[in-house]
């Protein structure tokens, strides 16, 4: 897993910066019901999205377990930043109107614990909003890299944040799927060279180690190695407490 303390300083620049954050916040707002007074942004990272979710009459609480990320978020938010794990939120039961989780569930093998904790803090009619199928985002648009890599991603059966798995887990917790949105990861498109680097580092879970050499050779034959392909498009799903 990424060392988020070490990554905190360069995290935003490497993941779309202000443009991506604005797009993510807009997608979240599309799915939030009217009248949300207390919102928890879990795994808030640097707070670059969190700060855009603030509104008059709405309290936004940011939570992250990385000290480096929480420090960056504190600089942006000037308070209401809690250092805690998503499986043990320092929030009282049924006291939050909405929980937002952007790019979290894909990081853990058993996201059900995180979803259960979100359900615990949500009040009656509360809304959970989370990204799903994060690793599929680069394949939203057609490109030479997408055509080569998409079949490998599709055959992988253990996506922790898969939509079907998330819907089923949420239903067991009394949360019903109520909508979807998406947002563009501005500036996050990868050229073949960046894919090769990621594969060699072993940070792409749906590529088997035995495939590294052949896949990297195939990617190396593609033109314009350093030219980014289309930006990824991330899916966001909303669930409402029944």
C-alpha atoms as a PDB file:
ATOM      1  CA  UNK A   1       0.000   0.000   0.000  1.00  0.00           C
ATOM      2  CA  UNK A   2       1.115   3.567  -0.634  1.00  0.00           C
ATOM      3  CA  UNK A   3       2.868   5.331   2.237  1.00  0.00           C
ATOM      4  CA  UNK A   4       0.438   8.222   2.517  1.00  0.00           C
ATOM      5  CA  UNK A   5       2.543  10.086   5.074  1.00  0.00           C
ATOM      6  CA  UNK A   6       5.398  10.219   2.575  1.00  0.00           C
ATOM      7  CA  UNK A   7       3.024  10.912  -0.308  1.00  0.00           C
ATOM      8  CA  UNK A   8       1.116  13.770   1.344  1.00  0.00           C
ATOM      9  CA  UNK A   9       3.198  16.656   0.042  1.00  0.00           C
ATOM     10  CA  UNK A  10       2.970  15.626  -3.631  1.00  0.00           C
ATOM     11  CA  UNK A  11      -0.372  13.820  -3.480  1.00  0.00           C
ATOM     12  CA  UNK A  12      -2.570  16.541  -4.986  1.00  0.00           C
ATOM     13  CA  UNK A  13      -0.243  17.372  -7.875  1.00  0.00           C
ATOM     14  CA  UNK A  14      -0.022  13.700  -8.835  1.00  0.00           C
ATOM     15  CA  UNK A  15      -3.792  13.170  -8.807  1.00  0.00           C
ATOM     16  CA  UNK A  16      -5.360  15.934 -10.797  1.00  0.00           C
ATOM     17  CA  UNK A  17      -4.985  18.848  -8.393  1.00  0.00           C
ATOM     18  CA  UNK A  18      -7.685  21.472  -8.054  1.00  0.00           C
ATOM     19  CA  UNK A  19      -9.495  20.516 -11.262  1.00  0.00           C
ATOM     20  CA  UNK A  20      -9.956  16.898 -10.168  1.00  0.00           C
ATOM     21  CA  UNK A  21     -10.984  17.957  -6.665  1.00  0.00           C
ATOM     22  CA  UNK A  22     -13.624  20.324  -8.024  1.00  0.00           C
ATOM     23  CA  UNK A  23     -14.986  17.567 -10.275  1.00  0.00           C
ATOM     24  CA  UNK A  24     -15.139  15.076  -7.388  1.00  0.00           C
ATOM     25  CA  UNK A  25     -16.883  17.544  -5.093  1.00  0.00           C
ATOM     26  CA  UNK A  26     -19.419  18.369  -7.813  1.00  0.00           C
ATOM     27  CA  UNK A  27     -20.249  14.661  -8.227  1.00  0.00           C
ATOM     28  CA  UNK A  28     -20.741  14.305  -4.472  1.00  0.00           C
ATOM     29  CA  UNK A  29     -23.012  17.347  -4.317  1.00  0.00           C
ATOM     30  CA  UNK A  30     -25.173  15.887  -7.098  1.00  0.00           C
ATOM     31  CA  UNK A  31     -25.883  12.881  -4.883  1.00  0.00           C
ATOM     32  CA  UNK A  32     -26.316  14.642  -1.538  1.00  0.00           C
ATOM     33  CA  UNK A  33     -29.923  15.260  -0.481  1.00  0.00           C
ATOM     34  CA  UNK A  34     -31.031  18.683   0.648  1.00  0.00           C
ATOM     35  CA  UNK A  35     -30.697  19.511   4.314  1.00  0.00           C
ATOM     36  CA  UNK A  36     -27.425  17.756   5.153  1.00  0.00           C
ATOM     37  CA  UNK A  37     -26.186  19.447   8.313  1.00  0.00           C
ATOM     38  CA  UNK A  38     -23.341  17.143   9.400  1.00  0.00           C
ATOM     39  CA  UNK A  39     -21.121  15.463   6.811  1.00  0.00           C
ATOM     40  CA  UNK A  40     -18.128  13.215   7.524  1.00  0.00           C
ATOM     41  CA  UNK A  41     -15.458  12.979   4.827  1.00  0.00           C
ATOM     42  CA  UNK A  42     -13.719   9.698   5.648  1.00  0.00           C
ATOM     43  CA  UNK A  43     -10.197   9.202   4.256  1.00  0.00           C
ATOM     44  CA  UNK A  44     -10.207  12.912   3.481  1.00  0.00           C
ATOM     45  CA  UNK A  45      -6.560  12.935   2.425  1.00  0.00           C
ATOM     46  CA  UNK A  46      -5.253  16.478   2.034  1.00  0.00           C
ATOM     47  CA  UNK A  47      -8.735  17.954   2.381  1.00  0.00           C
ATOM     48  CA  UNK A  48      -8.698  19.243  -1.191  1.00  0.00           C
ATOM     49  CA  UNK A  49     -12.188  17.801  -1.827  1.00  0.00           C
ATOM     50  CA  UNK A  50     -13.406  18.269   1.744  1.00  0.00           C
ATOM     51  CA  UNK A  51     -13.050  22.031   1.696  1.00  0.00           C
ATOM     52  CA  UNK A  52     -15.357  22.193  -1.331  1.00  0.00           C
ATOM     53  CA  UNK A  53     -18.112  20.372   0.564  1.00  0.00           C
ATOM     54  CA  UNK A  54     -18.478  23.116   3.143  1.00  0.00           C
ATOM     55  CA  UNK A  55     -21.701  25.108   3.012  1.00  0.00           C
ATOM     56  CA  UNK A  56     -23.493  27.567   5.217  1.00  0.00           C
ATOM     57  CA  UNK A  57     -25.402  25.528   7.786  1.00  0.00           C
ATOM     58  CA  UNK A  58     -23.378  22.363   7.080  1.00  0.00           C
ATOM     59  CA  UNK A  59     -20.621  21.123   9.367  1.00  0.00           C
ATOM     60  CA  UNK A  60     -17.994  19.019   7.608  1.00  0.00           C
ATOM     61  CA  UNK A  61     -15.794  16.712   9.680  1.00  0.00           C
ATOM     62  CA  UNK A  62     -12.661  15.337   8.004  1.00  0.00           C
ATOM     63  CA  UNK A  63     -11.169  11.990   9.052  1.00  0.00           C
ATOM     64  CA  UNK A  64      -7.913  10.349   7.963  1.00  0.00           C
ATOM     65  CA  UNK A  65      -5.535   7.880   9.591  1.00  0.00           C
ATOM     66  CA  UNK A  66      -2.395   9.320   7.958  1.00  0.00           C
ATOM     67  CA  UNK A  67      -0.698  11.993  10.045  1.00  0.00           C
ATOM     68  CA  UNK A  68       0.820  13.514   6.911  1.00  0.00           C
ATOM     69  CA  UNK A  69      -2.519  13.747   5.147  1.00  0.00           C
ATOM     70  CA  UNK A  70      -4.320  15.013   8.250  1.00  0.00           C
ATOM     71  CA  UNK A  71      -1.719  17.757   8.660  1.00  0.00           C
ATOM     72  CA  UNK A  72      -2.319  18.933   5.093  1.00  0.00           C
ATOM     73  CA  UNK A  73      -6.081  18.809   5.630  1.00  0.00           C
ATOM     74  CA  UNK A  74      -5.773  20.818   8.844  1.00  0.00           C
ATOM     75  CA  UNK A  75      -3.968  23.547   6.937  1.00  0.00           C
ATOM     76  CA  UNK A  76      -6.880  23.776   4.520  1.00  0.00           C
ATOM     77  CA  UNK A  77      -9.789  23.305   6.902  1.00  0.00           C
ATOM     78  CA  UNK A  78      -8.590  25.084  10.066  1.00  0.00           C
ATOM     79  CA  UNK A  79     -10.188  22.538  12.365  1.00  0.00           C
ATOM     80  CA  UNK A  80     -12.613  19.616  12.360  1.00  0.00           C
ATOM     81  CA  UNK A  81      -9.891  17.181  11.243  1.00  0.00           C
ATOM     82  CA  UNK A  82      -9.756  13.897  13.167  1.00  0.00           C
ATOM     83  CA  UNK A  83      -6.901  11.394  13.087  1.00  0.00           C
ATOM     84  CA  UNK A  84      -8.601   7.994  13.028  1.00  0.00           C
ATOM     85  CA  UNK A  85      -9.088   4.782  11.090  1.00  0.00           C
ATOM     86  CA  UNK A  86     -12.172   4.320   8.922  1.00  0.00           C
ATOM     87  CA  UNK A  87     -13.062   1.162  10.861  1.00  0.00           C
ATOM     88  CA  UNK A  88     -13.220   3.051  14.182  1.00  0.00           C
ATOM     89  CA  UNK A  89     -14.615   6.518  13.587  1.00  0.00           C
ATOM     90  CA  UNK A  90     -14.534   8.846  16.615  1.00  0.00           C
ATOM     91  CA  UNK A  91     -18.151   9.805  15.984  1.00  0.00           C
ATOM     92  CA  UNK A  92     -21.275   8.935  17.936  1.00  0.00           C
ATOM     93  CA  UNK A  93     -23.811   6.543  16.461  1.00  0.00           C
ATOM     94  CA  UNK A  94     -26.585   7.929  14.268  1.00  0.00           C
ATOM     95  CA  UNK A  95     -25.314  11.523  14.478  1.00  0.00           C
ATOM     96  CA  UNK A  96     -24.169  12.134  10.881  1.00  0.00           C
ATOM     97  CA  UNK A  97     -26.366  13.017   7.901  1.00  0.00           C
ATOM     98  CA  UNK A  98     -23.874  11.960   5.234  1.00  0.00           C
ATOM     99  CA  UNK A  99     -20.632  10.010   4.948  1.00  0.00           C
ATOM    100  CA  UNK A 100     -18.385  10.566   1.932  1.00  0.00           C
ATOM    101  CA  UNK A 101     -15.560   8.192   0.971  1.00  0.00           C
ATOM    102  CA  UNK A 102     -13.552   9.020  -2.161  1.00  0.00           C
ATOM    103  CA  UNK A 103     -10.917   6.462  -3.214  1.00  0.00           C
ATOM    104  CA  UNK A 104     -11.008   4.356  -0.048  1.00  0.00           C
ATOM    105  CA  UNK A 105     -12.731   0.989  -0.461  1.00  0.00           C
ATOM    106  CA  UNK A 106     -10.356  -0.241  -3.161  1.00  0.00           C
ATOM    107  CA  UNK A 107      -7.443  -0.023  -0.703  1.00  0.00           C
ATOM    108  CA  UNK A 108      -8.606  -2.728   1.688  1.00  0.00           C
ATOM    109  CA  UNK A 109      -9.319  -6.460   1.205  1.00  0.00           C
ATOM    110  CA  UNK A 110     -12.477  -6.382   3.349  1.00  0.00           C
ATOM    111  CA  UNK A 111     -14.323  -3.084   2.895  1.00  0.00           C
ATOM    112  CA  UNK A 112     -17.358  -4.443   4.733  1.00  0.00           C
ATOM    113  CA  UNK A 113     -15.909  -3.247   8.058  1.00  0.00           C
ATOM    114  CA  UNK A 114     -15.592   0.278   6.720  1.00  0.00           C
ATOM    115  CA  UNK A 115     -19.122   0.226   5.334  1.00  0.00           C
ATOM    116  CA  UNK A 116     -20.455  -1.054   8.650  1.00  0.00           C
ATOM    117  CA  UNK A 117     -18.793   1.802  10.506  1.00  0.00           C
ATOM    118  CA  UNK A 118     -20.232   4.326   8.080  1.00  0.00           C
ATOM    119  CA  UNK A 119     -23.676   2.810   8.607  1.00  0.00           C
ATOM    120  CA  UNK A 120     -23.214   3.028  12.377  1.00  0.00           C
ATOM    121  CA  UNK A 121     -22.690   6.800  12.392  1.00  0.00           C
ATOM    122  CA  UNK A 122     -25.424   7.598   9.855  1.00  0.00           C
ATOM    123  CA  UNK A 123     -28.704   8.839  11.237  1.00  0.00           C
ATOM    124  CA  UNK A 124     -32.170   7.985   9.929  1.00  0.00           C
ATOM    125  CA  UNK A 125     -32.348   8.728   6.218  1.00  0.00           C
ATOM    126  CA  UNK A 126     -28.591   9.300   6.137  1.00  0.00           C
ATOM    127  CA  UNK A 127     -26.615   9.026   2.903  1.00  0.00           C
ATOM    128  CA  UNK A 128     -23.385   7.199   2.148  1.00  0.00           C
ATOM    129  CA  UNK A 129     -21.483   8.290  -0.964  1.00  0.00           C
ATOM    130  CA  UNK A 130     -18.464   6.300  -2.137  1.00  0.00           C
ATOM    131  CA  UNK A 131     -16.375   5.693  -5.215  1.00  0.00           C
ATOM    132  CA  UNK A 132     -16.739   2.221  -6.743  1.00  0.00           C
ATOM    133  CA  UNK A 133     -14.776   0.261  -9.360  1.00  0.00           C
ATOM    134  CA  UNK A 134     -11.876   2.675  -8.995  1.00  0.00           C
ATOM    135  CA  UNK A 135      -9.390   0.593 -10.964  1.00  0.00           C
ATOM    136  CA  UNK A 136     -11.737   0.489 -13.939  1.00  0.00           C
ATOM    137  CA  UNK A 137     -11.653   4.267 -14.389  1.00  0.00           C
ATOM    138  CA  UNK A 138      -8.858   4.281 -17.025  1.00  0.00           C
ATOM    139  CA  UNK A 139     -10.967   2.091 -19.327  1.00  0.00           C
ATOM    140  CA  UNK A 140     -13.948   4.429 -19.626  1.00  0.00           C
ATOM    141  CA  UNK A 141     -12.651   5.716 -22.961  1.00  0.00           C
ATOM    142  CA  UNK A 142     -11.080   3.770 -25.805  1.00  0.00           C
ATOM    143  CA  UNK A 143      -7.318   3.927 -26.342  1.00  0.00           C
ATOM    144  CA  UNK A 144      -4.499   1.603 -27.308  1.00  0.00           C
ATOM    145  CA  UNK A 145      -3.516   1.094 -23.668  1.00  0.00           C
ATOM    146  CA  UNK A 146      -7.140   0.477 -22.677  1.00  0.00           C
ATOM    147  CA  UNK A 147      -7.583  -2.182 -25.348  1.00  0.00           C
ATOM    148  CA  UNK A 148      -4.462  -3.969 -24.146  1.00  0.00           C
ATOM    149  CA  UNK A 149      -5.145  -3.754 -20.409  1.00  0.00           C
ATOM    150  CA  UNK A 150      -8.943  -3.869 -20.104  1.00  0.00           C
ATOM    151  CA  UNK A 151      -9.223  -7.676 -20.459  1.00  0.00           C
ATOM    152  CA  UNK A 152      -6.790  -8.177 -17.584  1.00  0.00           C
ATOM    153  CA  UNK A 153      -8.791  -5.841 -15.358  1.00  0.00           C
ATOM    154  CA  UNK A 154     -12.088  -7.467 -16.331  1.00  0.00           C
ATOM    155  CA  UNK A 155     -10.953 -11.000 -15.472  1.00  0.00           C
ATOM    156  CA  UNK A 156      -9.840  -9.956 -11.954  1.00  0.00           C
ATOM    157  CA  UNK A 157     -12.511 -11.106  -9.502  1.00  0.00           C
ATOM    158  CA  UNK A 158     -11.423  -9.527  -6.235  1.00  0.00           C
ATOM    159  CA  UNK A 159     -12.159  -5.839  -6.678  1.00  0.00           C
ATOM    160  CA  UNK A 160     -12.853  -4.756  -3.112  1.00  0.00           C
ATOM    161  CA  UNK A 161     -14.852  -1.737  -4.307  1.00  0.00           C
ATOM    162  CA  UNK A 162     -16.779  -3.465  -7.086  1.00  0.00           C
ATOM    163  CA  UNK A 163     -20.249  -1.988  -7.499  1.00  0.00           C
ATOM    164  CA  UNK A 164     -22.094  -5.287  -7.105  1.00  0.00           C
ATOM    165  CA  UNK A 165     -20.145  -6.165  -3.971  1.00  0.00           C
ATOM    166  CA  UNK A 166     -20.699  -2.700  -2.505  1.00  0.00           C
ATOM    167  CA  UNK A 167     -24.436  -2.758  -3.237  1.00  0.00           C
ATOM    168  CA  UNK A 168     -24.793  -6.185  -1.602  1.00  0.00           C
ATOM    169  CA  UNK A 169     -22.768  -5.203   1.461  1.00  0.00           C
ATOM    170  CA  UNK A 170     -24.683  -1.952   1.867  1.00  0.00           C
ATOM    171  CA  UNK A 171     -28.031  -3.759   1.614  1.00  0.00           C
ATOM    172  CA  UNK A 172     -27.066  -6.031   4.498  1.00  0.00           C
ATOM    173  CA  UNK A 173     -26.467  -2.902   6.549  1.00  0.00           C
ATOM    174  CA  UNK A 174     -29.835  -1.373   5.711  1.00  0.00           C
ATOM    175  CA  UNK A 175     -28.507   0.967   3.022  1.00  0.00           C
ATOM    176  CA  UNK A 176     -30.290   1.092  -0.339  1.00  0.00           C
ATOM    177  CA  UNK A 177     -28.625   2.205  -3.586  1.00  0.00           C
ATOM    178  CA  UNK A 178     -30.223   5.476  -4.706  1.00  0.00           C
ATOM    179  CA  UNK A 179     -28.049   6.935  -7.440  1.00  0.00           C
ATOM    180  CA  UNK A 180     -24.762   7.280  -9.298  1.00  0.00           C
ATOM    181  CA  UNK A 181     -22.572  10.040 -10.700  1.00  0.00           C
ATOM    182  CA  UNK A 182     -19.077  10.268 -12.130  1.00  0.00           C
ATOM    183  CA  UNK A 183     -16.149  12.658 -12.323  1.00  0.00           C
ATOM    184  CA  UNK A 184     -13.046  13.046 -14.444  1.00  0.00           C
ATOM    185  CA  UNK A 185      -9.581  12.569 -12.983  1.00  0.00           C
ATOM    186  CA  UNK A 186      -8.115  15.601 -14.721  1.00  0.00           C
ATOM    187  CA  UNK A 187      -4.466  15.164 -15.620  1.00  0.00           C
ATOM    188  CA  UNK A 188      -4.402  11.500 -14.555  1.00  0.00           C
ATOM    189  CA  UNK A 189      -4.303   9.854 -17.966  1.00  0.00           C
ATOM    190  CA  UNK A 190      -1.360   7.450 -18.326  1.00  0.00           C
ATOM    191  CA  UNK A 191       0.810   6.818 -21.345  1.00  0.00           C
ATOM    192  CA  UNK A 192       2.361   3.398 -21.963  1.00  0.00           C
ATOM    193  CA  UNK A 193       5.547   4.412 -20.171  1.00  0.00           C
ATOM    194  CA  UNK A 194       3.701   5.176 -16.939  1.00  0.00           C
ATOM    195  CA  UNK A 195       1.809   1.900 -17.129  1.00  0.00           C
ATOM    196  CA  UNK A 196       5.090   0.039 -17.535  1.00  0.00           C
ATOM    197  CA  UNK A 197       6.516   1.816 -14.486  1.00  0.00           C
ATOM    198  CA  UNK A 198       3.474   0.933 -12.364  1.00  0.00           C
ATOM    199  CA  UNK A 199       3.498  -2.695 -13.455  1.00  0.00           C
ATOM    200  CA  UNK A 200       7.197  -3.088 -12.694  1.00  0.00           C
ATOM    201  CA  UNK A 201       6.664  -1.601  -9.245  1.00  0.00           C
ATOM    202  CA  UNK A 202       3.918  -4.159  -8.572  1.00  0.00           C
ATOM    203  CA  UNK A 203       1.306  -1.554  -7.633  1.00  0.00           C
ATOM    204  CA  UNK A 204      -1.393  -2.769 -10.056  1.00  0.00           C
ATOM    205  CA  UNK A 205      -3.143  -5.649  -8.260  1.00  0.00           C
ATOM    206  CA  UNK A 206      -4.982  -7.036 -11.278  1.00  0.00           C
ATOM    207  CA  UNK A 207      -1.768  -7.806 -13.201  1.00  0.00           C
ATOM    208  CA  UNK A 208      -0.198 -11.127 -12.199  1.00  0.00           C
ATOM    209  CA  UNK A 209       3.572 -11.155 -11.546  1.00  0.00           C
ATOM    210  CA  UNK A 210       3.984 -13.870 -14.180  1.00  0.00           C
ATOM    211  CA  UNK A 211       2.566 -11.452 -16.759  1.00  0.00           C
ATOM    212  CA  UNK A 212       4.822  -8.491 -15.993  1.00  0.00           C
ATOM    213  CA  UNK A 213       7.496  -9.155 -18.622  1.00  0.00           C
ATOM    214  CA  UNK A 214       5.178  -9.939 -21.562  1.00  0.00           C
ATOM    215  CA  UNK A 215       2.812  -7.088 -20.738  1.00  0.00           C
ATOM    216  CA  UNK A 216       5.609  -4.550 -20.427  1.00  0.00           C
ATOM    217  CA  UNK A 217       7.022  -5.672 -23.782  1.00  0.00           C
ATOM    218  CA  UNK A 218       3.598  -5.242 -25.380  1.00  0.00           C
ATOM    219  CA  UNK A 219       3.164  -1.777 -23.885  1.00  0.00           C
ATOM    220  CA  UNK A 220       6.656  -0.794 -25.045  1.00  0.00           C
ATOM    221  CA  UNK A 221       5.604  -1.372 -28.666  1.00  0.00           C
ATOM    222  CA  UNK A 222       2.884   1.271 -28.494  1.00  0.00           C
ATOM    223  CA  UNK A 223       3.594   4.721 -29.958  1.00  0.00           C
ATOM    224  CA  UNK A 224       4.057   7.937 -28.003  1.00  0.00           C
ATOM    225  CA  UNK A 225       5.242   6.303 -24.810  1.00  0.00           C
ATOM    226  CA  UNK A 226       5.114   9.511 -22.762  1.00  0.00           C
ATOM    227  CA  UNK A 227       1.834  10.885 -24.136  1.00  0.00           C
ATOM    228  CA  UNK A 228      -1.051  10.522 -21.650  1.00  0.00           C
ATOM    229  CA  UNK A 229      -4.120   8.646 -22.823  1.00  0.00           C
ATOM    230  CA  UNK A 230      -7.668   9.866 -21.947  1.00  0.00           C
ATOM    231  CA  UNK A 231      -8.235  10.892 -18.349  1.00  0.00           C
ATOM    232  CA  UNK A 232      -9.893   8.266 -16.147  1.00  0.00           C
ATOM    233  CA  UNK A 233     -13.552   8.666 -15.225  1.00  0.00           C
ATOM    234  CA  UNK A 234     -14.456   7.583 -11.689  1.00  0.00           C
ATOM    235  CA  UNK A 235     -17.840   6.203 -10.609  1.00  0.00           C
ATOM    236  CA  UNK A 236     -19.569   7.399  -7.444  1.00  0.00           C
ATOM    237  CA  UNK A 237     -22.514   5.573  -5.857  1.00  0.00           C
ATOM    238  CA  UNK A 238     -24.980   6.805  -3.236  1.00  0.00           C
ATOM    239  CA  UNK A 239     -26.817   4.737  -0.624  1.00  0.00           C
ATOM    240  CA  UNK A 240     -29.601   5.813   1.717  1.00  0.00           C
ATOM    241  CA  UNK A 241     -30.446   4.390   5.120  1.00  0.00           C
ATOM    242  CA  UNK A 242     -33.789   2.640   4.768  1.00  0.00           C
END
